[in-house]
């Protein structure tokens, strides 16, 4: 798994029992961790995977759960097209 949140990556890798705001995220990762034969988390800058960053940022603004299996929001499609063309998108 790749994340642009260095705090989550460092806390996971240190297996430190932390009580920061990311503790619930680590608990969810731990639940899913056992489902995989092999699992690691590593840091990656958001510019290296900008479409994923946009998805996460957009999802954090929602008050309800959205499903993007059948369709994608315009910002995601735009970022994927720009990413595949090698362009950069300014936030």
PDB file of N, CA and C in Angstrom:
ATOM      1  N   UNK A   1       0.847  -1.163   0.000  1.00  0.00           N
ATOM      2  CA  UNK A   1       0.000   0.000   0.000  1.00  0.00           C
ATOM      3  C   UNK A   1       0.895   1.228   0.000  1.00  0.00           C
ATOM      4  N   UNK A   2       0.508   2.212  -0.753  1.00  0.00           N
ATOM      5  CA  UNK A   2       1.243   3.462  -0.786  1.00  0.00           C
ATOM      6  C   UNK A   2       0.368   4.570  -0.202  1.00  0.00           C
ATOM      7  N   UNK A   3       0.995   5.457   0.540  1.00  0.00           N
ATOM      8  CA  UNK A   3       0.281   6.577   1.142  1.00  0.00           C
ATOM      9  C   UNK A   3       1.139   7.824   1.080  1.00  0.00           C
ATOM     10  N   UNK A   4       0.480   8.966   0.897  1.00  0.00           N
ATOM     11  CA  UNK A   4       1.223  10.223   0.949  1.00  0.00           C
ATOM     12  C   UNK A   4       1.184  10.825   2.355  1.00  0.00           C
ATOM     13  N   UNK A   5       0.697  10.054   3.315  1.00  0.00           N
ATOM     14  CA  UNK A   5       0.677  10.489   4.713  1.00  0.00           C
ATOM     15  C   UNK A   5       1.840   9.816   5.450  1.00  0.00           C
ATOM     16  N   UNK A   6       2.925  10.552   5.575  1.00  0.00           N
ATOM     17  CA  UNK A   6       4.128   9.996   6.189  1.00  0.00           C
ATOM     18  C   UNK A   6       3.887   9.587   7.642  1.00  0.00           C
ATOM     19  N   UNK A   7       3.013  10.309   8.332  1.00  0.00           N
ATOM     20  CA  UNK A   7       2.705   9.962   9.725  1.00  0.00           C
ATOM     21  C   UNK A   7       2.107   8.563   9.832  1.00  0.00           C
ATOM     22  N   UNK A   8       1.171   8.227   8.956  1.00  0.00           N
ATOM     23  CA  UNK A   8       0.560   6.897   8.960  1.00  0.00           C
ATOM     24  C   UNK A   8       1.611   5.831   8.647  1.00  0.00           C
ATOM     25  N   UNK A   9       2.436   6.084   7.646  1.00  0.00           N
ATOM     26  CA  UNK A   9       3.471   5.120   7.251  1.00  0.00           C
ATOM     27  C   UNK A   9       4.445   4.879   8.404  1.00  0.00           C
ATOM     28  N   UNK A  10       4.915   5.947   9.028  1.00  0.00           N
ATOM     29  CA  UNK A  10       5.866   5.804  10.132  1.00  0.00           C
ATOM     30  C   UNK A  10       5.253   5.102  11.337  1.00  0.00           C
ATOM     31  N   UNK A  11       4.014   5.442  11.670  1.00  0.00           N
ATOM     32  CA  UNK A  11       3.360   4.792  12.801  1.00  0.00           C
ATOM     33  C   UNK A  11       3.127   3.312  12.523  1.00  0.00           C
ATOM     34  N   UNK A  12       2.729   2.979  11.300  1.00  0.00           N
ATOM     35  CA  UNK A  12       2.520   1.574  10.947  1.00  0.00           C
ATOM     36  C   UNK A  12       3.833   0.799  11.030  1.00  0.00           C
ATOM     37  N   UNK A  13       4.864   1.344  10.436  1.00  0.00           N
ATOM     38  CA  UNK A  13       6.149   0.648  10.396  1.00  0.00           C
ATOM     39  C   UNK A  13       6.784   0.503  11.775  1.00  0.00           C
ATOM     40  N   UNK A  14       6.520   1.424  12.676  1.00  0.00           N
ATOM     41  CA  UNK A  14       7.081   1.334  14.024  1.00  0.00           C
ATOM     42  C   UNK A  14       6.207   0.488  14.947  1.00  0.00           C
ATOM     43  N   UNK A  15       4.984   0.196  14.504  1.00  0.00           N
ATOM     44  CA  UNK A  15       4.003  -0.545  15.298  1.00  0.00           C
ATOM     45  C   UNK A  15       3.823   0.102  16.679  1.00  0.00           C
ATOM     46  N   UNK A  16       3.937   1.418  16.684  1.00  0.00           N
ATOM     47  CA  UNK A  16       3.791   2.188  17.907  1.00  0.00           C
ATOM     48  C   UNK A  16       2.306   2.368  18.217  1.00  0.00           C
ATOM     49  N   UNK A  17       1.921   2.110  19.438  1.00  0.00           N
ATOM     50  CA  UNK A  17       0.530   2.301  19.858  1.00  0.00           C
ATOM     51  C   UNK A  17       0.312   3.794  20.072  1.00  0.00           C
ATOM     52  N   UNK A  18      -0.252   4.433  19.097  1.00  0.00           N
ATOM     53  CA  UNK A  18      -0.379   5.879  19.132  1.00  0.00           C
ATOM     54  C   UNK A  18      -1.835   6.282  19.325  1.00  0.00           C
ATOM     55  N   UNK A  19      -2.028   7.412  19.935  1.00  0.00           N
ATOM     56  CA  UNK A  19      -3.376   7.916  20.187  1.00  0.00           C
ATOM     57  C   UNK A  19      -3.652   9.201  19.406  1.00  0.00           C
ATOM     58  N   UNK A  20      -2.980   9.357  18.274  1.00  0.00           N
ATOM     59  CA  UNK A  20      -3.204  10.527  17.436  1.00  0.00           C
ATOM     60  C   UNK A  20      -4.491  10.348  16.637  1.00  0.00           C
ATOM     61  N   UNK A  21      -4.808  11.347  15.849  1.00  0.00           N
ATOM     62  CA  UNK A  21      -6.029  11.298  15.043  1.00  0.00           C
ATOM     63  C   UNK A  21      -5.982  10.218  13.972  1.00  0.00           C
ATOM     64  N   UNK A  22      -4.798   9.701  13.656  1.00  0.00           N
ATOM     65  CA  UNK A  22      -4.697   8.653  12.643  1.00  0.00           C
ATOM     66  C   UNK A  22      -4.849   7.255  13.235  1.00  0.00           C
ATOM     67  N   UNK A  23      -4.982   7.145  14.544  1.00  0.00           N
ATOM     68  CA  UNK A  23      -5.125   5.831  15.187  1.00  0.00           C
ATOM     69  C   UNK A  23      -6.291   5.024  14.601  1.00  0.00           C
ATOM     70  N   UNK A  24      -7.456   5.626  14.338  1.00  0.00           N
ATOM     71  CA  UNK A  24      -8.539   4.844  13.722  1.00  0.00           C
ATOM     72  C   UNK A  24      -8.192   4.326  12.331  1.00  0.00           C
ATOM     73  N   UNK A  25      -7.404   5.086  11.587  1.00  0.00           N
ATOM     74  CA  UNK A  25      -6.972   4.643  10.255  1.00  0.00           C
ATOM     75  C   UNK A  25      -6.078   3.420  10.396  1.00  0.00           C
ATOM     76  N   UNK A  26      -5.154   3.471  11.351  1.00  0.00           N
ATOM     77  CA  UNK A  26      -4.270   2.332  11.586  1.00  0.00           C
ATOM     78  C   UNK A  26      -5.057   1.102  12.023  1.00  0.00           C
ATOM     79  N   UNK A  27      -6.089   1.300  12.817  1.00  0.00           N
ATOM     80  CA  UNK A  27      -6.919   0.177  13.258  1.00  0.00           C
ATOM     81  C   UNK A  27      -7.628  -0.468  12.073  1.00  0.00           C
ATOM     82  N   UNK A  28      -8.119   0.349  11.137  1.00  0.00           N
ATOM     83  CA  UNK A  28      -8.771  -0.199   9.942  1.00  0.00           C
ATOM     84  C   UNK A  28      -7.777  -0.954   9.068  1.00  0.00           C
ATOM     85  N   UNK A  29      -6.578  -0.397   8.918  1.00  0.00           N
ATOM     86  CA  UNK A  29      -5.546  -1.075   8.133  1.00  0.00           C
ATOM     87  C   UNK A  29      -5.207  -2.418   8.771  1.00  0.00           C
ATOM     88  N   UNK A  30      -5.107  -2.439  10.087  1.00  0.00           N
ATOM     89  CA  UNK A  30      -4.783  -3.672  10.788  1.00  0.00           C
ATOM     90  C   UNK A  30      -5.846  -4.742  10.561  1.00  0.00           C
ATOM     91  N   UNK A  31      -7.123  -4.341  10.521  1.00  0.00           N
ATOM     92  CA  UNK A  31      -8.204  -5.296  10.245  1.00  0.00           C
ATOM     93  C   UNK A  31      -8.044  -5.909   8.856  1.00  0.00           C
ATOM     94  N   UNK A  32      -7.687  -5.095   7.871  1.00  0.00           N
ATOM     95  CA  UNK A  32      -7.539  -5.576   6.498  1.00  0.00           C
ATOM     96  C   UNK A  32      -6.223  -6.321   6.281  1.00  0.00           C
ATOM     97  N   UNK A  33      -5.227  -5.987   7.066  1.00  0.00           N
ATOM     98  CA  UNK A  33      -3.882  -6.541   6.953  1.00  0.00           C
ATOM     99  C   UNK A  33      -3.880  -8.065   6.953  1.00  0.00           C
ATOM    100  N   UNK A  34      -4.696  -8.668   7.770  1.00  0.00           N
ATOM    101  CA  UNK A  34      -4.707 -10.126   7.892  1.00  0.00           C
ATOM    102  C   UNK A  34      -5.294 -10.815   6.662  1.00  0.00           C
ATOM    103  N   UNK A  35      -5.960 -10.062   5.795  1.00  0.00           N
ATOM    104  CA  UNK A  35      -6.554 -10.641   4.584  1.00  0.00           C
ATOM    105  C   UNK A  35      -5.530 -10.874   3.480  1.00  0.00           C
ATOM    106  N   UNK A  36      -4.332 -10.334   3.645  1.00  0.00           N
ATOM    107  CA  UNK A  36      -3.321 -10.410   2.605  1.00  0.00           C
ATOM    108  C   UNK A  36      -2.206 -11.376   2.985  1.00  0.00           C
ATOM    109  N   UNK A  37      -1.696 -12.064   1.991  1.00  0.00           N
ATOM    110  CA  UNK A  37      -0.568 -12.961   2.205  1.00  0.00           C
ATOM    111  C   UNK A  37       0.698 -12.156   2.509  1.00  0.00           C
ATOM    112  N   UNK A  38       0.848 -11.041   1.827  1.00  0.00           N
ATOM    113  CA  UNK A  38       1.985 -10.149   2.024  1.00  0.00           C
ATOM    114  C   UNK A  38       1.458  -8.721   2.022  1.00  0.00           C
ATOM    115  N   UNK A  39       1.980  -7.895   2.916  1.00  0.00           N
ATOM    116  CA  UNK A  39       1.466  -6.532   3.026  1.00  0.00           C
ATOM    117  C   UNK A  39       2.553  -5.608   3.563  1.00  0.00           C
ATOM    118  N   UNK A  40       2.718  -4.453   2.926  1.00  0.00           N
ATOM    119  CA  UNK A  40       3.606  -3.420   3.455  1.00  0.00           C
ATOM    120  C   UNK A  40       3.020  -2.060   3.083  1.00  0.00           C
ATOM    121  N   UNK A  41       3.404  -1.076   3.848  1.00  0.00           N
ATOM    122  CA  UNK A  41       2.995   0.305   3.584  1.00  0.00           C
ATOM    123  C   UNK A  41       4.255   1.108   3.328  1.00  0.00           C
ATOM    124  N   UNK A  42       4.223   1.906   2.275  1.00  0.00           N
ATOM    125  CA  UNK A  42       5.367   2.769   2.010  1.00  0.00           C
ATOM    126  C   UNK A  42       4.902   4.157   1.618  1.00  0.00           C
ATOM    127  N   UNK A  43       5.745   5.109   1.881  1.00  0.00           N
ATOM    128  CA  UNK A  43       5.447   6.510   1.576  1.00  0.00           C
ATOM    129  C   UNK A  43       5.678   6.782   0.096  1.00  0.00           C
ATOM    130  N   UNK A  44       4.785   7.570  -0.480  1.00  0.00           N
ATOM    131  CA  UNK A  44       4.924   8.042  -1.855  1.00  0.00           C
ATOM    132  C   UNK A  44       4.371   9.463  -1.883  1.00  0.00           C
ATOM    133  N   UNK A  45       5.009  10.347  -2.583  1.00  0.00           N
ATOM    134  CA  UNK A  45       4.522  11.730  -2.622  1.00  0.00           C
ATOM    135  C   UNK A  45       3.205  11.788  -3.382  1.00  0.00           C
ATOM    136  N   UNK A  46       2.378  12.755  -3.024  1.00  0.00           N
ATOM    137  CA  UNK A  46       1.078  12.842  -3.692  1.00  0.00           C
ATOM    138  C   UNK A  46       1.216  13.158  -5.172  1.00  0.00           C
ATOM    139  N   UNK A  47       2.318  13.781  -5.560  1.00  0.00           N
ATOM    140  CA  UNK A  47       2.515  14.075  -6.985  1.00  0.00           C
ATOM    141  C   UNK A  47       2.797  12.812  -7.789  1.00  0.00           C
ATOM    142  N   UNK A  48       3.250  11.748  -7.125  1.00  0.00           N
ATOM    143  CA  UNK A  48       3.517  10.490  -7.816  1.00  0.00           C
ATOM    144  C   UNK A  48       2.239   9.723  -8.130  1.00  0.00           C
ATOM    145  N   UNK A  49       1.166  10.023  -7.448  1.00  0.00           N
ATOM    146  CA  UNK A  49      -0.123   9.385  -7.721  1.00  0.00           C
ATOM    147  C   UNK A  49      -1.233  10.389  -7.448  1.00  0.00           C
ATOM    148  N   UNK A  50      -1.247  11.421  -8.249  1.00  0.00           N
ATOM    149  CA  UNK A  50      -2.182  12.519  -8.031  1.00  0.00           C
ATOM    150  C   UNK A  50      -3.652  12.112  -8.131  1.00  0.00           C
ATOM    151  N   UNK A  51      -4.047  11.239  -9.055  1.00  0.00           N
ATOM    152  CA  UNK A  51      -5.460  10.839  -9.095  1.00  0.00           C
ATOM    153  C   UNK A  51      -5.938  10.214  -7.774  1.00  0.00           C
ATOM    154  N   UNK A  52      -5.110   9.396  -7.140  1.00  0.00           N
ATOM    155  CA  UNK A  52      -5.491   8.813  -5.841  1.00  0.00           C
ATOM    156  C   UNK A  52      -5.606   9.900  -4.785  1.00  0.00           C
ATOM    157  N   UNK A  53      -4.709  10.877  -4.819  1.00  0.00           N
ATOM    158  CA  UNK A  53      -4.770  11.995  -3.883  1.00  0.00           C
ATOM    159  C   UNK A  53      -6.082  12.759  -4.048  1.00  0.00           C
ATOM    160  N   UNK A  54      -6.467  13.009  -5.297  1.00  0.00           N
ATOM    161  CA  UNK A  54      -7.724  13.720  -5.540  1.00  0.00           C
ATOM    162  C   UNK A  54      -8.931  12.934  -5.046  1.00  0.00           C
ATOM    163  N   UNK A  55      -8.923  11.624  -5.248  1.00  0.00           N
ATOM    164  CA  UNK A  55     -10.021  10.781  -4.748  1.00  0.00           C
ATOM    165  C   UNK A  55     -10.134  10.896  -3.232  1.00  0.00           C
ATOM    166  N   UNK A  56      -9.009  10.780  -2.553  1.00  0.00           N
ATOM    167  CA  UNK A  56      -9.009  10.852  -1.090  1.00  0.00           C
ATOM    168  C   UNK A  56      -9.446  12.226  -0.612  1.00  0.00           C
ATOM    169  N   UNK A  57      -8.944  13.263  -1.253  1.00  0.00           N
ATOM    170  CA  UNK A  57      -9.320  14.626  -0.849  1.00  0.00           C
ATOM    171  C   UNK A  57     -10.808  14.861  -1.070  1.00  0.00           C
ATOM    172  N   UNK A  58     -11.323  14.414  -2.204  1.00  0.00           N
ATOM    173  CA  UNK A  58     -12.749  14.570  -2.491  1.00  0.00           C
ATOM    174  C   UNK A  58     -13.597  13.780  -1.493  1.00  0.00           C
ATOM    175  N   UNK A  59     -13.199  12.547  -1.219  1.00  0.00           N
ATOM    176  CA  UNK A  59     -13.959  11.702  -0.292  1.00  0.00           C
ATOM    177  C   UNK A  59     -14.006  12.303   1.108  1.00  0.00           C
ATOM    178  N   UNK A  60     -12.940  12.989   1.516  1.00  0.00           N
ATOM    179  CA  UNK A  60     -12.913  13.569   2.860  1.00  0.00           C
ATOM    180  C   UNK A  60     -13.866  14.747   3.017  1.00  0.00           C
ATOM    181  N   UNK A  61     -14.378  15.276   1.911  1.00  0.00           N
ATOM    182  CA  UNK A  61     -15.311  16.405   1.988  1.00  0.00           C
ATOM    183  C   UNK A  61     -16.767  15.965   1.978  1.00  0.00           C
ATOM    184  N   UNK A  62     -17.012  14.678   1.775  1.00  0.00           N
ATOM    185  CA  UNK A  62     -18.375  14.184   1.640  1.00  0.00           C
ATOM    186  C   UNK A  62     -19.013  13.888   2.996  1.00  0.00           C
ATOM    187  N   UNK A  63     -20.293  14.164   3.088  1.00  0.00           N
ATOM    188  CA  UNK A  63     -21.045  13.827   4.296  1.00  0.00           C
ATOM    189  C   UNK A  63     -21.681  12.442   4.204  1.00  0.00           C
ATOM    190  N   UNK A  64     -21.721  11.890   3.000  1.00  0.00           N
ATOM    191  CA  UNK A  64     -22.314  10.574   2.769  1.00  0.00           C
ATOM    192  C   UNK A  64     -21.327   9.706   2.000  1.00  0.00           C
ATOM    193  N   UNK A  65     -21.592   8.428   1.981  1.00  0.00           N
ATOM    194  CA  UNK A  65     -20.746   7.498   1.234  1.00  0.00           C
ATOM    195  C   UNK A  65     -21.131   7.530  -0.233  1.00  0.00           C
ATOM    196  N   UNK A  66     -20.151   7.615  -1.093  1.00  0.00           N
ATOM    197  CA  UNK A  66     -20.368   7.549  -2.530  1.00  0.00           C
ATOM    198  C   UNK A  66     -19.698   6.294  -3.069  1.00  0.00           C
ATOM    199  N   UNK A  67     -20.251   5.756  -4.122  1.00  0.00           N
ATOM    200  CA  UNK A  67     -19.660   4.594  -4.785  1.00  0.00           C
ATOM    201  C   UNK A  67     -19.228   5.020  -6.181  1.00  0.00           C
ATOM    202  N   UNK A  68     -17.969   4.762  -6.521  1.00  0.00           N
ATOM    203  CA  UNK A  68     -17.445   5.156  -7.817  1.00  0.00           C
ATOM    204  C   UNK A  68     -17.173   3.953  -8.697  1.00  0.00           C
ATOM    205  N   UNK A  69     -17.836   2.825  -8.447  1.00  0.00           N
ATOM    206  CA  UNK A  69     -17.613   1.632  -9.262  1.00  0.00           C
ATOM    207  C   UNK A  69     -18.148   1.802 -10.674  1.00  0.00           C
ATOM    208  N   UNK A  70     -19.314   2.406 -10.815  1.00  0.00           N
ATOM    209  CA  UNK A  70     -19.956   2.512 -12.116  1.00  0.00           C
ATOM    210  C   UNK A  70     -19.689   3.826 -12.828  1.00  0.00           C
ATOM    211  N   UNK A  71     -19.286   4.851 -12.078  1.00  0.00           N
ATOM    212  CA  UNK A  71     -19.014   6.150 -12.683  1.00  0.00           C
ATOM    213  C   UNK A  71     -17.982   6.883 -11.843  1.00  0.00           C
ATOM    214  N   UNK A  72     -17.337   7.834 -12.459  1.00  0.00           N
ATOM    215  CA  UNK A  72     -16.315   8.611 -11.750  1.00  0.00           C
ATOM    216  C   UNK A  72     -16.666  10.083 -11.843  1.00  0.00           C
ATOM    217  N   UNK A  73     -16.314  10.815 -10.805  1.00  0.00           N
ATOM    218  CA  UNK A  73     -16.582  12.245 -10.824  1.00  0.00           C
ATOM    219  C   UNK A  73     -15.665  12.918 -11.842  1.00  0.00           C
ATOM    220  N   UNK A  74     -16.053  14.096 -12.276  1.00  0.00           N
ATOM    221  CA  UNK A  74     -15.300  14.818 -13.297  1.00  0.00           C
ATOM    222  C   UNK A  74     -13.865  15.098 -12.906  1.00  0.00           C
ATOM    223  N   UNK A  75     -13.609  15.445 -11.657  1.00  0.00           N
ATOM    224  CA  UNK A  75     -12.256  15.751 -11.206  1.00  0.00           C
ATOM    225  C   UNK A  75     -11.349  14.531 -11.322  1.00  0.00           C
ATOM    226  N   UNK A  76     -11.905  13.366 -11.075  1.00  0.00           N
ATOM    227  CA  UNK A  76     -11.101  12.144 -11.147  1.00  0.00           C
ATOM    228  C   UNK A  76     -10.774  11.813 -12.596  1.00  0.00           C
ATOM    229  N   UNK A  77     -11.754  11.903 -13.457  1.00  0.00           N
ATOM    230  CA  UNK A  77     -11.521  11.632 -14.884  1.00  0.00           C
ATOM    231  C   UNK A  77     -10.495  12.608 -15.442  1.00  0.00           C
ATOM    232  N   UNK A  78     -10.641  13.881 -15.108  1.00  0.00           N
ATOM    233  CA  UNK A  78      -9.702  14.900 -15.578  1.00  0.00           C
ATOM    234  C   UNK A  78      -8.285  14.615 -15.095  1.00  0.00           C
ATOM    235  N   UNK A  79      -8.158  14.249 -13.809  1.00  0.00           N
ATOM    236  CA  UNK A  79      -6.823  13.995 -13.267  1.00  0.00           C
ATOM    237  C   UNK A  79      -6.202  12.744 -13.879  1.00  0.00           C
ATOM    238  N   UNK A  80      -7.012  11.721 -14.149  1.00  0.00           N
ATOM    239  CA  UNK A  80      -6.491  10.508 -14.784  1.00  0.00           C
ATOM    240  C   UNK A  80      -6.011  10.789 -16.207  1.00  0.00           C
ATOM    241  N   UNK A  81      -6.787  11.580 -16.936  1.00  0.00           N
ATOM    242  CA  UNK A  81      -6.387  11.928 -18.296  1.00  0.00           C
ATOM    243  C   UNK A  81      -5.097  12.746 -18.296  1.00  0.00           C
ATOM    244  N   UNK A  82      -5.000  13.702 -17.392  1.00  0.00           N
ATOM    245  CA  UNK A  82      -3.786  14.517 -17.303  1.00  0.00           C
ATOM    246  C   UNK A  82      -2.607  13.667 -16.869  1.00  0.00           C
ATOM    247  N   UNK A  83      -2.838  12.755 -15.917  1.00  0.00           N
ATOM    248  CA  UNK A  83      -1.766  11.886 -15.432  1.00  0.00           C
ATOM    249  C   UNK A  83      -1.255  10.985 -16.541  1.00  0.00           C
ATOM    250  N   UNK A  84      -2.169  10.434 -17.341  1.00  0.00           N
ATOM    251  CA  UNK A  84      -1.747   9.532 -18.412  1.00  0.00           C
ATOM    252  C   UNK A  84      -1.027  10.279 -19.527  1.00  0.00           C
ATOM    253  N   UNK A  85      -1.320  11.576 -19.664  1.00  0.00           N
ATOM    254  CA  UNK A  85      -0.651  12.380 -20.684  1.00  0.00           C
ATOM    255  C   UNK A  85       0.659  12.970 -20.171  1.00  0.00           C
ATOM    256  N   UNK A  86       0.946  12.748 -18.888  1.00  0.00           N
ATOM    257  CA  UNK A  86       2.187  13.265 -18.315  1.00  0.00           C
ATOM    258  C   UNK A  86       2.107  14.704 -17.876  1.00  0.00           C
ATOM    259  N   UNK A  87       0.924  15.268 -17.862  1.00  0.00           N
ATOM    260  CA  UNK A  87       0.756  16.660 -17.439  1.00  0.00           C
ATOM    261  C   UNK A  87       0.621  16.711 -15.916  1.00  0.00           C
ATOM    262  N   UNK A  88       0.793  17.876 -15.389  1.00  0.00           N
ATOM    263  CA  UNK A  88       0.563  18.061 -13.952  1.00  0.00           C
ATOM    264  C   UNK A  88      -0.630  18.983 -13.776  1.00  0.00           C
ATOM    265  N   UNK A  89      -1.363  18.720 -12.717  1.00  0.00           N
ATOM    266  CA  UNK A  89      -2.548  19.506 -12.407  1.00  0.00           C
ATOM    267  C   UNK A  89      -2.236  20.343 -11.176  1.00  0.00           C
ATOM    268  N   UNK A  90      -2.548  21.602 -11.248  1.00  0.00           N
ATOM    269  CA  UNK A  90      -2.313  22.489 -10.116  1.00  0.00           C
ATOM    270  C   UNK A  90      -3.500  22.397  -9.180  1.00  0.00           C
ATOM    271  N   UNK A  91      -3.217  22.219  -7.883  1.00  0.00           N
ATOM    272  CA  UNK A  91      -4.298  22.138  -6.891  1.00  0.00           C
ATOM    273  C   UNK A  91      -4.936  23.478  -6.710  1.00  0.00           C
TER     274      UNK A  91
END
